[in-house]
Amino acid sequence: MENIQTFMINHPLLSMAVILPFSLIIVIGIFSILINFVLPVILAFWLSGWVYTAIVGEKVQKYYQQPFWFIRYKSAV
């Protein structure tokens, strides 16, 4: 382990070039999950709420002031 550490200290650019592909694979994987799954779900929730308020005839300001208006909360008192 000390040999690797001293090599990395002596050759920082080469060490970064070796580490870069692995970190790039991890970042591409995370972004592909975000773009393919998380972002469409968020946009679908936003669009369904917008369409619901348009069909029901509620004010759009309610949707912006209380973004989770569809969740009913019990009062604490």
N, C-alpha and C. Protein backbone atom coordinates (compact mmCIF):
# COMPACT_ATOMS: atom_id res chain seq x y z
N MET A 1 0.83 -1.19 0.00
CA MET A 1 0.00 0.00 0.00
C MET A 1 0.87 1.25 0.00
N GLU A 2 1.97 1.20 0.71
CA GLU A 2 2.85 2.36 0.75
C GLU A 2 3.48 2.62 -0.62
N ASN A 3 3.74 1.54 -1.38
CA ASN A 3 4.30 1.71 -2.73
C ASN A 3 3.33 2.46 -3.63
N ILE A 4 2.06 2.10 -3.53
CA ILE A 4 1.05 2.77 -4.35
C ILE A 4 0.92 4.23 -3.93
N GLN A 5 0.92 4.47 -2.64
CA GLN A 5 0.78 5.84 -2.14
C GLN A 5 1.96 6.71 -2.55
N THR A 6 3.17 6.20 -2.45
CA THR A 6 4.33 7.00 -2.87
C THR A 6 4.32 7.21 -4.38
N PHE A 7 3.88 6.21 -5.14
CA PHE A 7 3.78 6.38 -6.59
C PHE A 7 2.77 7.47 -6.93
N MET A 8 1.64 7.48 -6.22
CA MET A 8 0.61 8.48 -6.48
C MET A 8 1.10 9.88 -6.09
N ILE A 9 1.88 9.97 -5.04
CA ILE A 9 2.43 11.27 -4.64
C ILE A 9 3.44 11.76 -5.66
N ASN A 10 4.25 10.86 -6.17
CA ASN A 10 5.29 11.25 -7.13
C ASN A 10 4.74 11.52 -8.53
N HIS A 11 3.63 10.89 -8.89
CA HIS A 11 3.04 11.04 -10.23
C HIS A 11 1.55 11.37 -10.12
N PRO A 12 1.21 12.60 -9.76
CA PRO A 12 -0.21 12.92 -9.54
C PRO A 12 -1.05 12.91 -10.81
N LEU A 13 -0.50 13.35 -11.94
CA LEU A 13 -1.30 13.37 -13.18
C LEU A 13 -1.61 11.96 -13.66
N LEU A 14 -0.65 11.09 -13.59
CA LEU A 14 -0.87 9.70 -13.99
C LEU A 14 -1.88 9.03 -13.06
N SER A 15 -1.79 9.33 -11.79
CA SER A 15 -2.73 8.76 -10.82
C SER A 15 -4.15 9.25 -11.10
N MET A 16 -4.29 10.53 -11.40
CA MET A 16 -5.62 11.06 -11.73
C MET A 16 -6.15 10.45 -13.02
N ALA A 17 -5.27 10.21 -13.98
CA ALA A 17 -5.69 9.59 -15.24
C ALA A 17 -6.17 8.16 -15.02
N VAL A 18 -5.61 7.47 -14.06
CA VAL A 18 -6.05 6.10 -13.76
C VAL A 18 -7.37 6.10 -12.99
N ILE A 19 -7.55 7.06 -12.10
CA ILE A 19 -8.77 7.13 -11.28
C ILE A 19 -9.95 7.67 -12.08
N LEU A 20 -9.70 8.52 -13.05
CA LEU A 20 -10.76 9.21 -13.81
C LEU A 20 -11.78 8.27 -14.45
N PRO A 21 -11.40 7.19 -15.14
CA PRO A 21 -12.44 6.35 -15.75
C PRO A 21 -13.40 5.73 -14.74
N PHE A 22 -12.90 5.34 -13.59
CA PHE A 22 -13.78 4.74 -12.58
C PHE A 22 -14.75 5.76 -12.01
N SER A 23 -14.27 6.95 -11.73
CA SER A 23 -15.17 7.98 -11.22
C SER A 23 -16.15 8.43 -12.29
N LEU A 24 -15.72 8.43 -13.54
CA LEU A 24 -16.61 8.79 -14.64
C LEU A 24 -17.74 7.77 -14.79
N ILE A 25 -17.43 6.50 -14.65
CA ILE A 25 -18.46 5.46 -14.72
C ILE A 25 -19.49 5.65 -13.61
N ILE A 26 -19.02 5.95 -12.41
CA ILE A 26 -19.94 6.16 -11.28
C ILE A 26 -20.83 7.37 -11.52
N VAL A 27 -20.25 8.47 -11.99
CA VAL A 27 -21.03 9.69 -12.23
C VAL A 27 -22.03 9.49 -13.37
N ILE A 28 -21.62 8.82 -14.43
CA ILE A 28 -22.54 8.56 -15.55
C ILE A 28 -23.69 7.67 -15.08
N GLY A 29 -23.40 6.69 -14.24
CA GLY A 29 -24.45 5.83 -13.71
C GLY A 29 -25.46 6.60 -12.87
N ILE A 30 -24.97 7.48 -12.02
CA ILE A 30 -25.86 8.27 -11.17
C ILE A 30 -26.71 9.21 -12.01
N PHE A 31 -26.10 9.87 -12.98
CA PHE A 31 -26.86 10.80 -13.82
C PHE A 31 -27.86 10.07 -14.71
N SER A 32 -27.53 8.87 -15.17
CA SER A 32 -28.49 8.14 -15.99
C SER A 32 -29.70 7.73 -15.17
N ILE A 33 -29.49 7.37 -13.91
CA ILE A 33 -30.62 7.04 -13.03
C ILE A 33 -31.47 8.29 -12.79
N LEU A 34 -30.81 9.42 -12.53
CA LEU A 34 -31.56 10.65 -12.28
C LEU A 34 -32.35 11.08 -13.51
N ILE A 35 -31.73 11.04 -14.67
CA ILE A 35 -32.39 11.53 -15.88
C ILE A 35 -33.46 10.56 -16.37
N ASN A 36 -33.24 9.26 -16.23
CA ASN A 36 -34.19 8.28 -16.76
C ASN A 36 -35.33 7.95 -15.82
N PHE A 37 -35.15 8.11 -14.51
CA PHE A 37 -36.19 7.69 -13.58
C PHE A 37 -36.69 8.82 -12.68
N VAL A 38 -35.80 9.52 -12.03
CA VAL A 38 -36.20 10.51 -11.03
C VAL A 38 -36.83 11.74 -11.68
N LEU A 39 -36.19 12.29 -12.68
CA LEU A 39 -36.71 13.50 -13.34
C LEU A 39 -38.07 13.27 -13.99
N PRO A 40 -38.31 12.18 -14.71
CA PRO A 40 -39.66 11.98 -15.25
C PRO A 40 -40.74 11.83 -14.18
N VAL A 41 -40.40 11.21 -13.05
CA VAL A 41 -41.39 11.08 -11.97
C VAL A 41 -41.73 12.46 -11.40
N ILE A 42 -40.72 13.28 -11.19
CA ILE A 42 -40.96 14.62 -10.66
C ILE A 42 -41.80 15.44 -11.64
N LEU A 43 -41.46 15.38 -12.91
CA LEU A 43 -42.24 16.12 -13.91
C LEU A 43 -43.66 15.58 -14.03
N ALA A 44 -43.85 14.28 -13.89
CA ALA A 44 -45.19 13.70 -13.96
C ALA A 44 -46.05 14.17 -12.78
N PHE A 45 -45.46 14.22 -11.57
CA PHE A 45 -46.20 14.74 -10.42
C PHE A 45 -46.56 16.21 -10.63
N TRP A 46 -45.63 16.99 -11.14
CA TRP A 46 -45.89 18.40 -11.37
C TRP A 46 -46.99 18.59 -12.41
N LEU A 47 -46.91 17.85 -13.51
CA LEU A 47 -47.89 17.99 -14.58
C LEU A 47 -49.27 17.50 -14.14
N SER A 48 -49.33 16.40 -13.40
CA SER A 48 -50.63 15.91 -12.94
C SER A 48 -51.28 16.88 -11.97
N GLY A 49 -50.49 17.51 -11.11
CA GLY A 49 -51.05 18.52 -10.22
C GLY A 49 -51.53 19.74 -10.98
N TRP A 50 -50.80 20.13 -11.99
CA TRP A 50 -51.18 21.29 -12.80
C TRP A 50 -52.47 21.01 -13.57
N VAL A 51 -52.57 19.81 -14.16
CA VAL A 51 -53.77 19.44 -14.91
C VAL A 51 -54.96 19.32 -13.96
N TYR A 52 -54.74 18.75 -12.78
CA TYR A 52 -55.82 18.61 -11.81
C TYR A 52 -56.38 19.97 -11.41
N THR A 53 -55.49 20.92 -11.10
CA THR A 53 -55.97 22.24 -10.71
C THR A 53 -56.67 22.94 -11.88
N ALA A 54 -56.25 22.67 -13.11
CA ALA A 54 -56.90 23.27 -14.26
C ALA A 54 -58.29 22.68 -14.48
N ILE A 55 -58.44 21.37 -14.29
CA ILE A 55 -59.74 20.73 -14.50
C ILE A 55 -60.72 21.09 -13.39
N VAL A 56 -60.25 21.06 -12.16
CA VAL A 56 -61.12 21.34 -11.02
C VAL A 56 -61.48 22.81 -10.94
N GLY A 57 -60.61 23.66 -11.42
CA GLY A 57 -60.87 25.09 -11.41
C GLY A 57 -60.34 25.79 -10.17
N GLU A 58 -59.39 25.19 -9.52
CA GLU A 58 -58.78 25.81 -8.34
C GLU A 58 -57.81 26.89 -8.78
N LYS A 59 -57.49 27.76 -7.85
CA LYS A 59 -56.54 28.82 -8.15
C LYS A 59 -55.13 28.24 -8.26
N VAL A 60 -54.37 28.76 -9.18
CA VAL A 60 -53.00 28.30 -9.36
C VAL A 60 -52.13 28.74 -8.19
N GLN A 61 -52.49 29.84 -7.54
CA GLN A 61 -51.71 30.33 -6.40
C GLN A 61 -51.69 29.31 -5.27
N LYS A 62 -52.78 28.57 -5.09
CA LYS A 62 -52.82 27.54 -4.06
C LYS A 62 -51.76 26.48 -4.33
N TYR A 63 -51.59 26.15 -5.57
CA TYR A 63 -50.62 25.13 -5.95
C TYR A 63 -49.20 25.60 -5.66
N TYR A 64 -48.93 26.88 -5.82
CA TYR A 64 -47.59 27.39 -5.56
C TYR A 64 -47.35 27.69 -4.08
N GLN A 65 -48.40 28.11 -3.36
CA GLN A 65 -48.24 28.42 -1.94
C GLN A 65 -48.14 27.15 -1.10
N GLN A 66 -48.89 26.13 -1.48
CA GLN A 66 -48.87 24.85 -0.77
C GLN A 66 -48.58 23.75 -1.78
N PRO A 67 -47.32 23.46 -2.05
CA PRO A 67 -47.01 22.50 -3.10
C PRO A 67 -47.49 21.08 -2.80
N PHE A 68 -47.69 20.74 -1.53
CA PHE A 68 -48.19 19.41 -1.18
C PHE A 68 -49.63 19.51 -0.69
N TRP A 69 -50.46 20.23 -1.45
CA TRP A 69 -51.85 20.45 -1.08
C TRP A 69 -52.66 19.17 -1.09
N PHE A 70 -52.21 18.15 -1.81
CA PHE A 70 -52.96 16.91 -1.93
C PHE A 70 -52.76 15.99 -0.72
N ILE A 71 -51.85 16.36 0.20
CA ILE A 71 -51.63 15.58 1.41
C ILE A 71 -52.39 16.25 2.55
N ARG A 72 -53.20 15.48 3.23
CA ARG A 72 -53.98 16.02 4.34
C ARG A 72 -53.20 15.83 5.63
N TYR A 73 -53.05 16.91 6.35
CA TYR A 73 -52.31 16.89 7.60
C TYR A 73 -53.28 16.97 8.77
N LYS A 74 -52.95 16.26 9.83
CA LYS A 74 -53.72 16.40 11.07
C LYS A 74 -53.15 17.58 11.83
N SER A 75 -54.02 18.38 12.39
CA SER A 75 -53.51 19.54 13.12
C SER A 75 -52.88 19.07 14.43
N ALA A 76 -51.83 19.76 14.84
CA ALA A 76 -51.08 19.39 16.03
C ALA A 76 -51.83 19.74 17.31
N VAL A 77 -52.78 20.63 17.22
CA VAL A 77 -53.49 21.09 18.42
C VAL A 77 -54.66 20.21 18.70
